[in-house]
PDB file of N, CA and C in Angstrom:
ATOM      1  N   UNK A   1     -84.294 -73.805 -31.164  1.00  0.00           N
ATOM      2  CA  UNK A   1     -85.737 -74.066 -31.466  1.00  0.00           C
ATOM      3  C   UNK A   1     -86.287 -73.357 -32.734  1.00  0.00           C
ATOM      4  N   UNK A   2     -87.108 -74.020 -33.378  1.00  0.00           N
ATOM      5  CA  UNK A   2     -87.390 -74.105 -34.783  1.00  0.00           C
ATOM      6  C   UNK A   2     -88.580 -72.197 -34.937  1.00  0.00           C
ATOM      7  N   UNK A   3     -88.689 -72.002 -35.565  1.00  0.00           N
ATOM      8  CA  UNK A   3     -89.556 -70.366 -35.676  1.00  0.00           C
ATOM      9  C   UNK A   3     -90.848 -70.824 -35.612  1.00  0.00           C
ATOM     10  N   UNK A   4     -91.277 -71.839 -36.002  1.00  0.00           N
ATOM     11  CA  UNK A   4     -92.779 -72.618 -35.613  1.00  0.00           C
ATOM     12  C   UNK A   4     -92.709 -72.251 -34.042  1.00  0.00           C
ATOM     13  N   UNK A   5     -92.022 -73.524 -33.504  1.00  0.00           N
ATOM     14  CA  UNK A   5     -92.123 -74.034 -32.239  1.00  0.00           C
ATOM     15  C   UNK A   5     -91.790 -72.629 -31.089  1.00  0.00           C
ATOM     16  N   UNK A   6     -91.084 -71.562 -31.645  1.00  0.00           N
ATOM     17  CA  UNK A   6     -91.491 -70.206 -30.560  1.00  0.00           C
ATOM     18  C   UNK A   6     -92.394 -69.682 -31.060  1.00  0.00           C
ATOM     19  N   UNK A   7     -93.354 -69.693 -31.785  1.00  0.00           N
ATOM     20  CA  UNK A   7     -94.702 -69.045 -31.860  1.00  0.00           C
ATOM     21  C   UNK A   7     -95.512 -69.712 -30.696  1.00  0.00           C
ATOM     22  N   UNK A   8     -95.043 -71.150 -29.898  1.00  0.00           N
ATOM     23  CA  UNK A   8     -96.003 -71.601 -29.216  1.00  0.00           C
ATOM     24  C   UNK A   8     -95.980 -70.915 -28.038  1.00  0.00           C
ATOM     25  N   UNK A   9     -97.154 -70.876 -26.848  1.00  0.00           N
ATOM     26  CA  UNK A   9     -97.057 -70.533 -25.834  1.00  0.00           C
ATOM     27  C   UNK A   9     -97.768 -71.500 -24.832  1.00  0.00           C
ATOM     28  N   UNK A  10     -97.467 -70.800 -23.850  1.00  0.00           N
ATOM     29  CA  UNK A  10     -98.015 -71.562 -22.424  1.00  0.00           C
ATOM     30  C   UNK A  10     -97.638 -73.302 -22.337  1.00  0.00           C
ATOM     31  N   UNK A  11     -98.564 -74.237 -22.440  1.00  0.00           N
ATOM     32  CA  UNK A  11     -97.840 -75.770 -22.104  1.00  0.00           C
ATOM     33  C   UNK A  11     -97.111 -76.383 -23.444  1.00  0.00           C
ATOM     34  N   UNK A  12     -97.691 -75.822 -24.327  1.00  0.00           N
ATOM     35  CA  UNK A  12     -96.907 -76.563 -25.714  1.00  0.00           C
ATOM     36  C   UNK A  12     -95.192 -75.954 -25.938  1.00  0.00           C
ATOM     37  N   UNK A  13     -95.314 -74.764 -25.439  1.00  0.00           N
ATOM     38  CA  UNK A  13     -93.932 -73.911 -25.513  1.00  0.00           C
ATOM     39  C   UNK A  13     -93.191 -74.556 -24.581  1.00  0.00           C
ATOM     40  N   UNK A  14     -93.437 -75.183 -23.479  1.00  0.00           N
ATOM     41  CA  UNK A  14     -92.931 -75.701 -22.222  1.00  0.00           C
ATOM     42  C   UNK A  14     -92.520 -77.359 -22.748  1.00  0.00           C
ATOM     43  N   UNK A  15     -93.386 -78.169 -23.230  1.00  0.00           N
ATOM     44  CA  UNK A  15     -93.112 -79.403 -23.457  1.00  0.00           C
ATOM     45  C   UNK A  15     -91.893 -79.195 -24.794  1.00  0.00           C
ATOM     46  N   UNK A  16     -92.179 -77.808 -25.679  1.00  0.00           N
ATOM     47  CA  UNK A  16     -91.075 -78.324 -26.304  1.00  0.00           C
ATOM     48  C   UNK A  16     -90.022 -78.074 -26.113  1.00  0.00           C
ATOM     49  N   UNK A  17     -89.563 -77.015 -25.045  1.00  0.00           N
ATOM     50  CA  UNK A  17     -88.229 -76.670 -24.574  1.00  0.00           C
ATOM     51  C   UNK A  17     -87.998 -77.743 -23.876  1.00  0.00           C
ATOM     52  N   UNK A  18     -88.166 -78.494 -22.895  1.00  0.00           N
ATOM     53  CA  UNK A  18     -88.260 -79.616 -22.195  1.00  0.00           C
ATOM     54  C   UNK A  18     -87.355 -80.590 -23.078  1.00  0.00           C
ATOM     55  N   UNK A  19     -88.791 -81.164 -24.249  1.00  0.00           N
ATOM     56  CA  UNK A  19     -88.141 -82.069 -25.088  1.00  0.00           C
ATOM     57  C   UNK A  19     -86.741 -81.556 -25.543  1.00  0.00           C
ATOM     58  N   UNK A  20     -86.525 -80.452 -25.799  1.00  0.00           N
ATOM     59  CA  UNK A  20     -85.567 -80.317 -26.476  1.00  0.00           C
ATOM     60  C   UNK A  20     -84.054 -80.240 -25.560  1.00  0.00           C
ATOM     61  N   UNK A  21     -84.485 -79.565 -24.013  1.00  0.00           N
ATOM     62  CA  UNK A  21     -83.298 -79.304 -23.431  1.00  0.00           C
ATOM     63  C   UNK A  21     -83.191 -80.722 -22.414  1.00  0.00           C
ATOM     64  N   UNK A  22     -84.151 -81.504 -22.087  1.00  0.00           N
ATOM     65  CA  UNK A  22     -84.007 -82.704 -21.632  1.00  0.00           C
ATOM     66  C   UNK A  22     -84.393 -83.788 -22.241  1.00  0.00           C
ATOM     67  N   UNK A  23     -84.156 -84.415 -23.262  1.00  0.00           N
ATOM     68  CA  UNK A  23     -84.753 -85.917 -23.988  1.00  0.00           C
ATOM     69  C   UNK A  23     -84.766 -86.588 -23.080  1.00  0.00           C
ATOM     70  N   UNK A  24     -86.469 -87.078 -22.929  1.00  0.00           N
ATOM     71  CA  UNK A  24     -86.129 -88.260 -21.394  1.00  0.00           C
ATOM     72  C   UNK A  24     -86.018 -89.303 -21.705  1.00  0.00           C
ATOM     73  N   UNK A  25     -86.660 -89.636 -23.169  1.00  0.00           N
ATOM     74  CA  UNK A  25     -86.289 -91.061 -23.995  1.00  0.00           C
ATOM     75  C   UNK A  25     -85.061 -91.191 -23.637  1.00  0.00           C
ATOM     76  N   UNK A  26     -84.032 -89.965 -24.562  1.00  0.00           N
ATOM     77  CA  UNK A  26     -82.785 -91.241 -24.466  1.00  0.00           C
ATOM     78  C   UNK A  26     -82.194 -90.818 -22.895  1.00  0.00           C
ATOM     79  N   UNK A  27     -82.422 -90.102 -22.046  1.00  0.00           N
ATOM     80  CA  UNK A  27     -81.515 -89.838 -20.954  1.00  0.00           C
ATOM     81  C   UNK A  27     -82.097 -91.389 -19.761  1.00  0.00           C
ATOM     82  N   UNK A  28     -83.514 -91.354 -19.900  1.00  0.00           N
ATOM     83  CA  UNK A  28     -84.049 -92.592 -19.264  1.00  0.00           C
ATOM     84  C   UNK A  28     -83.501 -94.517 -19.834  1.00  0.00           C
ATOM     85  N   UNK A  29     -83.017 -94.461 -21.264  1.00  0.00           N
ATOM     86  CA  UNK A  29     -82.336 -95.143 -21.719  1.00  0.00           C
ATOM     87  C   UNK A  29     -80.827 -95.372 -21.267  1.00  0.00           C
ATOM     88  N   UNK A  30     -80.556 -94.342 -21.381  1.00  0.00           N
ATOM     89  CA  UNK A  30     -79.110 -94.602 -20.997  1.00  0.00           C
ATOM     90  C   UNK A  30     -78.755 -94.648 -19.226  1.00  0.00           C
ATOM     91  N   UNK A  31     -79.964 -94.494 -18.253  1.00  0.00           N
ATOM     92  CA  UNK A  31     -79.717 -94.409 -17.273  1.00  0.00           C
ATOM     93  C   UNK A  31     -80.103 -96.133 -17.116  1.00  0.00           C
ATOM     94  N   UNK A  32     -81.373 -96.711 -17.848  1.00  0.00           N
ATOM     95  CA  UNK A  32     -81.365 -98.337 -17.586  1.00  0.00           C
ATOM     96  C   UNK A  32     -80.318 -99.197 -17.895  1.00  0.00           C
ATOM     97  N   UNK A  33     -79.642 -98.911 -19.298  1.00  0.00           N
ATOM     98  CA  UNK A  33     -78.419 -99.446 -19.613  1.00  0.00           C
ATOM     99  C   UNK A  33     -77.082 -99.267 -18.935  1.00  0.00           C
ATOM    100  N   UNK A  34     -76.768 -97.935 -17.806  1.00  0.00           N
ATOM    101  CA  UNK A  34     -75.773 -98.135 -17.215  1.00  0.00           C
ATOM    102  C   UNK A  34     -76.286 -98.844 -15.962  1.00  0.00           C
ATOM    103  N   UNK A  35     -77.526 -98.361 -14.834  1.00  0.00           N
ATOM    104  CA  UNK A  35     -77.776 -99.011 -13.341  1.00  0.00           C
ATOM    105  C   UNK A  35     -78.610-100.044 -13.503  1.00  0.00           C
ATOM    106  N   UNK A  36     -79.245-100.676 -14.626  1.00  0.00           N
ATOM    107  CA  UNK A  36     -79.861-101.680 -14.018  1.00  0.00           C
ATOM    108  C   UNK A  36     -79.589-103.218 -14.521  1.00  0.00           C
ATOM    109  N   UNK A  37     -79.211-104.402 -13.852  1.00  0.00           N
ATOM    110  CA  UNK A  37     -78.472-105.580 -14.391  1.00  0.00           C
ATOM    111  C   UNK A  37     -79.320-106.194 -15.534  1.00  0.00           C
ATOM    112  N   UNK A  38     -78.647-107.119 -16.120  1.00  0.00           N
ATOM    113  CA  UNK A  38     -79.397-107.308 -17.617  1.00  0.00           C
ATOM    114  C   UNK A  38     -79.654-108.372 -17.353  1.00  0.00           C
ATOM    115  N   UNK A  39     -80.896-108.763 -18.090  1.00  0.00           N
ATOM    116  CA  UNK A  39     -82.463-109.986 -17.349  1.00  0.00           C
ATOM    117  C   UNK A  39     -81.382-111.163 -17.298  1.00  0.00           C
ATOM    118  N   UNK A  40     -80.287-111.461 -17.743  1.00  0.00           N
ATOM    119  CA  UNK A  40     -79.618-112.827 -17.884  1.00  0.00           C
ATOM    120  C   UNK A  40     -78.825-112.643 -16.235  1.00  0.00           C
ATOM    121  N   UNK A  41     -78.328-111.245 -15.614  1.00  0.00           N
ATOM    122  CA  UNK A  41     -77.794-111.542 -14.391  1.00  0.00           C
ATOM    123  C   UNK A  41     -78.618-111.561 -13.549  1.00  0.00           C
ATOM    124  N   UNK A  42     -79.810-110.644 -13.758  1.00  0.00           N
ATOM    125  CA  UNK A  42     -80.873-110.387 -12.859  1.00  0.00           C
ATOM    126  C   UNK A  42     -81.658-111.645 -12.296  1.00  0.00           C
ATOM    127  N   UNK A  43     -82.175-112.726 -13.677  1.00  0.00           N
ATOM    128  CA  UNK A  43     -83.061-113.848 -13.159  1.00  0.00           C
ATOM    129  C   UNK A  43     -82.519-114.910 -12.099  1.00  0.00           C
ATOM    130  N   UNK A  44     -81.023-114.612 -11.795  1.00  0.00           N
ATOM    131  CA  UNK A  44     -80.182-115.625 -10.948  1.00  0.00           C
ATOM    132  C   UNK A  44     -80.616-115.683  -9.933  1.00  0.00           C
ATOM    133  N   UNK A  45     -80.815-114.095  -9.340  1.00  0.00           N
ATOM    134  CA  UNK A  45     -81.598-113.741  -7.876  1.00  0.00           C
ATOM    135  C   UNK A  45     -82.943-113.551  -7.358  1.00  0.00           C
ATOM    136  N   UNK A  46     -83.796-113.266  -8.813  1.00  0.00           N
ATOM    137  CA  UNK A  46     -84.701-112.937  -8.894  1.00  0.00           C
ATOM    138  C   UNK A  46     -85.835-114.403  -8.881  1.00  0.00           C
ATOM    139  N   UNK A  47     -85.078-115.331  -9.528  1.00  0.00           N
ATOM    140  CA  UNK A  47     -85.842-116.774  -9.848  1.00  0.00           C
ATOM    141  C   UNK A  47     -86.834-116.857  -8.358  1.00  0.00           C
ATOM    142  N   UNK A  48     -86.423-116.347  -7.345  1.00  0.00           N
ATOM    143  CA  UNK A  48     -87.199-117.279  -6.205  1.00  0.00           C
ATOM    144  C   UNK A  48     -88.495-116.335  -5.622  1.00  0.00           C
ATOM    145  N   UNK A  49     -88.591-115.087  -6.401  1.00  0.00           N
ATOM    146  CA  UNK A  49     -89.613-114.068  -5.711  1.00  0.00           C
ATOM    147  C   UNK A  49     -90.222-114.369  -7.435  1.00  0.00           C
ATOM    148  N   UNK A  50     -90.084-114.880  -8.368  1.00  0.00           N
ATOM    149  CA  UNK A  50     -90.782-114.729  -9.526  1.00  0.00           C
ATOM    150  C   UNK A  50     -91.427-116.049  -9.320  1.00  0.00           C
ATOM    151  N   UNK A  51     -91.174-117.424  -8.757  1.00  0.00           N
ATOM    152  CA  UNK A  51     -91.230-118.731  -9.081  1.00  0.00           C
ATOM    153  C   UNK A  51     -91.347-119.224  -7.685  1.00  0.00           C
ATOM    154  N   UNK A  52     -92.876-119.966  -7.123  1.00  0.00           N
ATOM    155  CA  UNK A  52     -92.939-120.428  -5.884  1.00  0.00           C
ATOM    156  C   UNK A  52     -92.697-121.876  -5.803  1.00  0.00           C
ATOM    157  N   UNK A  53     -92.359-122.407  -6.682  1.00  0.00           N
ATOM    158  CA  UNK A  53     -92.290-124.011  -6.544  1.00  0.00           C
ATOM    159  C   UNK A  53     -90.586-124.339  -6.128  1.00  0.00           C
ATOM    160  N   UNK A  54     -89.702-125.786  -5.984  1.00  0.00           N
ATOM    161  CA  UNK A  54     -88.476-125.363  -5.103  1.00  0.00           C
ATOM    162  C   UNK A  54     -87.827-124.608  -6.116  1.00  0.00           C
ATOM    163  N   UNK A  55     -86.951-124.679  -5.510  1.00  0.00           N
ATOM    164  CA  UNK A  55     -85.399-123.803  -6.218  1.00  0.00           C
ATOM    165  C   UNK A  55     -84.691-124.888  -7.391  1.00  0.00           C
ATOM    166  N   UNK A  56     -85.045-125.972  -6.940  1.00  0.00           N
ATOM    167  CA  UNK A  56     -83.952-126.857  -8.242  1.00  0.00           C
ATOM    168  C   UNK A  56     -85.119-127.505  -9.072  1.00  0.00           C
ATOM    169  N   UNK A  57     -86.034-127.250  -9.426  1.00  0.00           N
ATOM    170  CA  UNK A  57     -86.630-127.779 -10.362  1.00  0.00           C
ATOM    171  C   UNK A  57     -86.416-127.398 -11.997  1.00  0.00           C
ATOM    172  N   UNK A  58     -86.978-128.210 -12.746  1.00  0.00           N
ATOM    173  CA  UNK A  58     -86.896-127.639 -14.687  1.00  0.00           C
ATOM    174  C   UNK A  58     -87.154-126.030 -14.854  1.00  0.00           C
ATOM    175  N   UNK A  59     -88.197-126.110 -14.061  1.00  0.00           N
ATOM    176  CA  UNK A  59     -88.816-124.532 -14.161  1.00  0.00           C
ATOM    177  C   UNK A  59     -88.359-123.565 -13.726  1.00  0.00           C
ATOM    178  N   UNK A  60     -87.971-123.502 -12.627  1.00  0.00           N
ATOM    179  CA  UNK A  60     -86.772-122.533 -11.737  1.00  0.00           C
ATOM    180  C   UNK A  60     -85.437-122.470 -12.172  1.00  0.00           C
ATOM    181  N   UNK A  61     -84.660-123.666 -12.703  1.00  0.00           N
ATOM    182  CA  UNK A  61     -83.622-123.284 -13.419  1.00  0.00           C
ATOM    183  C   UNK A  61     -83.286-123.039 -14.910  1.00  0.00           C
ATOM    184  N   UNK A  62     -84.607-123.214 -15.510  1.00  0.00           N
ATOM    185  CA  UNK A  62     -84.985-122.644 -16.895  1.00  0.00           C
ATOM    186  C   UNK A  62     -85.023-120.783 -16.278  1.00  0.00           C
ATOM    187  N   UNK A  63     -85.880-120.425 -15.224  1.00  0.00           N
ATOM    188  CA  UNK A  63     -86.082-119.282 -15.124  1.00  0.00           C
ATOM    189  C   UNK A  63     -84.380-118.619 -14.931  1.00  0.00           C
ATOM    190  N   UNK A  64     -84.037-119.455 -13.960  1.00  0.00           N
ATOM    191  CA  UNK A  64     -82.638-118.796 -13.849  1.00  0.00           C
ATOM    192  C   UNK A  64     -81.448-118.363 -14.570  1.00  0.00           C
ATOM    193  N   UNK A  65     -81.650-119.332 -15.662  1.00  0.00           N
ATOM    194  CA  UNK A  65     -81.036-119.414 -16.494  1.00  0.00           C
ATOM    195  C   UNK A  65     -81.042-118.812 -17.832  1.00  0.00           C
ATOM    196  N   UNK A  66     -82.066-118.403 -17.648  1.00  0.00           N
ATOM    197  CA  UNK A  66     -83.093-117.945 -18.803  1.00  0.00           C
ATOM    198  C   UNK A  66     -82.842-118.536 -19.861  1.00  0.00           C
ATOM    199  N   UNK A  67     -83.187-120.173 -20.057  1.00  0.00           N
ATOM    200  CA  UNK A  67     -82.750-121.022 -20.597  1.00  0.00           C
ATOM    201  C   UNK A  67     -84.116-121.183 -22.248  1.00  0.00           C
ATOM    202  N   UNK A  68     -83.825-120.973 -23.157  1.00  0.00           N
ATOM    203  CA  UNK A  68     -84.702-121.136 -24.055  1.00  0.00           C
ATOM    204  C   UNK A  68     -85.238-122.587 -24.322  1.00  0.00           C
ATOM    205  N   UNK A  69     -84.412-123.278 -23.988  1.00  0.00           N
ATOM    206  CA  UNK A  69     -85.004-124.997 -24.118  1.00  0.00           C
ATOM    207  C   UNK A  69     -85.659-125.542 -23.331  1.00  0.00           C
ATOM    208  N   UNK A  70     -85.973-124.705 -22.216  1.00  0.00           N
ATOM    209  CA  UNK A  70     -86.884-125.093 -20.569  1.00  0.00           C
ATOM    210  C   UNK A  70     -88.173-124.453 -20.764  1.00  0.00           C
ATOM    211  N   UNK A  71     -88.731-125.459 -19.782  1.00  0.00           N
ATOM    212  CA  UNK A  71     -90.214-125.397 -20.440  1.00  0.00           C
ATOM    213  C   UNK A  71     -90.866-123.631 -20.204  1.00  0.00           C
ATOM    214  N   UNK A  72     -91.679-123.032 -21.142  1.00  0.00           N
ATOM    215  CA  UNK A  72     -92.141-121.908 -21.312  1.00  0.00           C
ATOM    216  C   UNK A  72     -92.705-121.444 -19.684  1.00  0.00           C
ATOM    217  N   UNK A  73     -92.131-120.163 -19.677  1.00  0.00           N
ATOM    218  CA  UNK A  73     -92.707-119.743 -17.983  1.00  0.00           C
ATOM    219  C   UNK A  73     -92.512-118.245 -18.410  1.00  0.00           C
ATOM    220  N   UNK A  74     -93.338-117.975 -18.236  1.00  0.00           N
ATOM    221  CA  UNK A  74     -93.839-116.642 -18.753  1.00  0.00           C
ATOM    222  C   UNK A  74     -94.922-116.213 -17.637  1.00  0.00           C
ATOM    223  N   UNK A  75     -94.890-114.358 -17.933  1.00  0.00           N
ATOM    224  CA  UNK A  75     -95.685-113.722 -17.101  1.00  0.00           C
ATOM    225  C   UNK A  75     -96.587-112.854 -17.860  1.00  0.00           C
ATOM    226  N   UNK A  76     -97.919-113.036 -18.043  1.00  0.00           N
ATOM    227  CA  UNK A  76     -98.699-112.417 -18.788  1.00  0.00           C
ATOM    228  C   UNK A  76     -99.336-110.953 -18.027  1.00  0.00           C
ATOM    229  N   UNK A  77     -99.126-109.864 -18.434  1.00  0.00           N
ATOM    230  CA  UNK A  77     -99.380-108.777 -17.752  1.00  0.00           C
ATOM    231  C   UNK A  77    -100.604-107.943 -18.419  1.00  0.00           C
ATOM    232  N   UNK A  78    -101.289-108.387 -19.209  1.00  0.00           N
ATOM    233  CA  UNK A  78    -102.459-108.167 -20.315  1.00  0.00           C
ATOM    234  C   UNK A  78    -103.051-108.847 -21.341  1.00  0.00           C
ATOM    235  N   UNK A  79    -104.104-108.821 -21.328  1.00  0.00           N
ATOM    236  CA  UNK A  79    -104.818-109.782 -22.068  1.00  0.00           C
ATOM    237  C   UNK A  79    -105.777-109.122 -23.118  1.00  0.00           C
ATOM    238  N   UNK A  80    -106.322-109.162 -23.857  1.00  0.00           N
ATOM    239  CA  UNK A  80    -106.792-107.894 -24.768  1.00  0.00           C
ATOM    240  C   UNK A  80    -107.919-109.068 -25.833  1.00  0.00           C
ATOM    241  N   UNK A  81    -109.365-108.993 -25.667  1.00  0.00           N
ATOM    242  CA  UNK A  81    -109.890-110.151 -26.423  1.00  0.00           C
ATOM    243  C   UNK A  81    -110.098-109.188 -28.350  1.00  0.00           C
ATOM    244  N   UNK A  82    -109.908-110.365 -28.858  1.00  0.00           N
ATOM    245  CA  UNK A  82    -110.056-110.331 -30.089  1.00  0.00           C
ATOM    246  C   UNK A  82    -111.482-110.201 -31.019  1.00  0.00           C
ATOM    247  N   UNK A  83    -111.431-110.550 -32.116  1.00  0.00           N
ATOM    248  CA  UNK A  83    -112.988-110.535 -32.696  1.00  0.00           C
ATOM    249  C   UNK A  83    -113.380-112.178 -32.667  1.00  0.00           C
ATOM    250  N   UNK A  84    -112.291-112.579 -32.626  1.00  0.00           N
ATOM    251  CA  UNK A  84    -112.886-114.269 -32.204  1.00  0.00           C
ATOM    252  C   UNK A  84    -113.577-114.130 -30.932  1.00  0.00           C
ATOM    253  N   UNK A  85    -114.591-114.734 -30.898  1.00  0.00           N
ATOM    254  CA  UNK A  85    -115.056-115.028 -29.745  1.00  0.00           C
ATOM    255  C   UNK A  85    -114.225-116.218 -28.594  1.00  0.00           C
ATOM    256  N   UNK A  86    -113.864-115.491 -27.396  1.00  0.00           N
ATOM    257  CA  UNK A  86    -113.130-116.443 -26.528  1.00  0.00           C
ATOM    258  C   UNK A  86    -111.964-116.342 -26.885  1.00  0.00           C
ATOM    259  N   UNK A  87    -110.978-115.682 -27.482  1.00  0.00           N
ATOM    260  CA  UNK A  87    -110.057-115.681 -27.690  1.00  0.00           C
ATOM    261  C   UNK A  87    -109.316-114.317 -27.353  1.00  0.00           C
ATOM    262  N   UNK A  88    -108.025-114.427 -26.716  1.00  0.00           N
ATOM    263  CA  UNK A  88    -107.471-112.900 -26.643  1.00  0.00           C
ATOM    264  C   UNK A  88    -105.973-112.782 -27.216  1.00  0.00           C
ATOM    265  N   UNK A  89    -105.147-112.030 -26.885  1.00  0.00           N
ATOM    266  CA  UNK A  89    -103.916-111.374 -27.194  1.00  0.00           C
ATOM    267  C   UNK A  89    -103.630-111.294 -25.945  1.00  0.00           C
ATOM    268  N   UNK A  90    -102.056-112.060 -25.564  1.00  0.00           N
ATOM    269  CA  UNK A  90    -101.709-111.920 -24.549  1.00  0.00           C
ATOM    270  C   UNK A  90    -100.326-111.710 -24.402  1.00  0.00           C
ATOM    271  N   UNK A  91    -100.210-110.393 -23.678  1.00  0.00           N
ATOM    272  CA  UNK A  91     -98.663-109.251 -23.645  1.00  0.00           C
ATOM    273  C   UNK A  91     -98.123-109.789 -22.194  1.00  0.00           C
ATOM    274  N   UNK A  92     -96.637-110.038 -22.405  1.00  0.00           N
ATOM    275  CA  UNK A  92     -96.178-110.504 -21.497  1.00  0.00           C
ATOM    276  C   UNK A  92     -94.577-110.698 -21.724  1.00  0.00           C
ATOM    277  N   UNK A  93     -94.635-111.130 -20.581  1.00  0.00           N
ATOM    278  CA  UNK A  93     -92.281-110.996 -20.545  1.00  0.00           C
ATOM    279  C   UNK A  93     -92.413-112.747 -20.448  1.00  0.00           C
ATOM    280  N   UNK A  94     -91.281-113.313 -21.203  1.00  0.00           N
ATOM    281  CA  UNK A  94     -90.873-114.606 -21.188  1.00  0.00           C
ATOM    282  C   UNK A  94     -89.665-115.029 -20.330  1.00  0.00           C
ATOM    283  N   UNK A  95     -89.811-115.351 -18.977  1.00  0.00           N
ATOM    284  CA  UNK A  95     -88.899-115.961 -18.820  1.00  0.00           C
ATOM    285  C   UNK A  95     -87.704-117.090 -18.801  1.00  0.00           C
ATOM    286  N   UNK A  96     -88.578-118.267 -19.677  1.00  0.00           N
ATOM    287  CA  UNK A  96     -87.788-119.143 -19.746  1.00  0.00           C
ATOM    288  C   UNK A  96     -88.749-119.961 -20.859  1.00  0.00           C
ATOM    289  N   UNK A  97     -88.258-120.584 -22.103  1.00  0.00           N
ATOM    290  CA  UNK A  97     -88.588-121.227 -22.950  1.00  0.00           C
ATOM    291  C   UNK A  97     -88.801-120.416 -24.167  1.00  0.00           C
ATOM    292  N   UNK A  98     -89.884-120.713 -25.074  1.00  0.00           N
ATOM    293  CA  UNK A  98     -90.088-119.809 -26.314  1.00  0.00           C
ATOM    294  C   UNK A  98     -91.506-119.418 -26.296  1.00  0.00           C
ATOM    295  N   UNK A  99     -91.935-118.951 -27.308  1.00  0.00           N
ATOM    296  CA  UNK A  99     -93.618-118.414 -27.685  1.00  0.00           C
ATOM    297  C   UNK A  99     -93.415-117.865 -28.729  1.00  0.00           C
ATOM    298  N   UNK A 100     -94.320-118.647 -29.764  1.00  0.00           N
ATOM    299  CA  UNK A 100     -94.495-118.132 -30.567  1.00  0.00           C
ATOM    300  C   UNK A 100     -96.100-117.927 -31.204  1.00  0.00           C
ATOM    301  N   UNK A 101     -96.485-116.988 -32.282  1.00  0.00           N
ATOM    302  CA  UNK A 101     -97.339-116.565 -32.433  1.00  0.00           C
ATOM    303  C   UNK A 101     -98.608-117.410 -32.768  1.00  0.00           C
ATOM    304  N   UNK A 102     -99.740-117.733 -32.559  1.00  0.00           N
ATOM    305  CA  UNK A 102    -100.907-118.278 -32.381  1.00  0.00           C
ATOM    306  C   UNK A 102    -100.721-119.686 -31.436  1.00  0.00           C
ATOM    307  N   UNK A 103     -99.509-119.707 -30.577  1.00  0.00           N
ATOM    308  CA  UNK A 103     -99.096-120.428 -29.969  1.00  0.00           C
ATOM    309  C   UNK A 103     -99.870-120.816 -28.808  1.00  0.00           C
ATOM    310  N   UNK A 104    -100.787-121.779 -28.386  1.00  0.00           N
ATOM    311  CA  UNK A 104    -101.364-122.098 -27.148  1.00  0.00           C
ATOM    312  C   UNK A 104    -100.834-122.004 -25.914  1.00  0.00           C
ATOM    313  N   UNK A 105    -101.334-121.267 -24.910  1.00  0.00           N
ATOM    314  CA  UNK A 105    -100.845-121.679 -23.856  1.00  0.00           C
ATOM    315  C   UNK A 105    -101.454-121.687 -22.743  1.00  0.00           C
TER     316      UNK A 105
END
């Protein structure tokens, strides 16, 4: 610990000690990369849970293969209003296809 950190008390000191002793960001990143499947591998068996249509149509096959040339299939998790009336920023995950800035979806 730095001399400045050693002067801290209570919760601020605990935070510094824990951050130094167990860096959560690096630890979580390591665990995710080692134990979770890649999106390409996971999509093959998750597509049926993500898509309600037939399993053999173009959209489902695009999700299964993470195909950038397939139709756009995106899960929007958050919509944030812009200063322009009636417009939103959409945050989400693209399962297939391509999306660009300013594209209407």
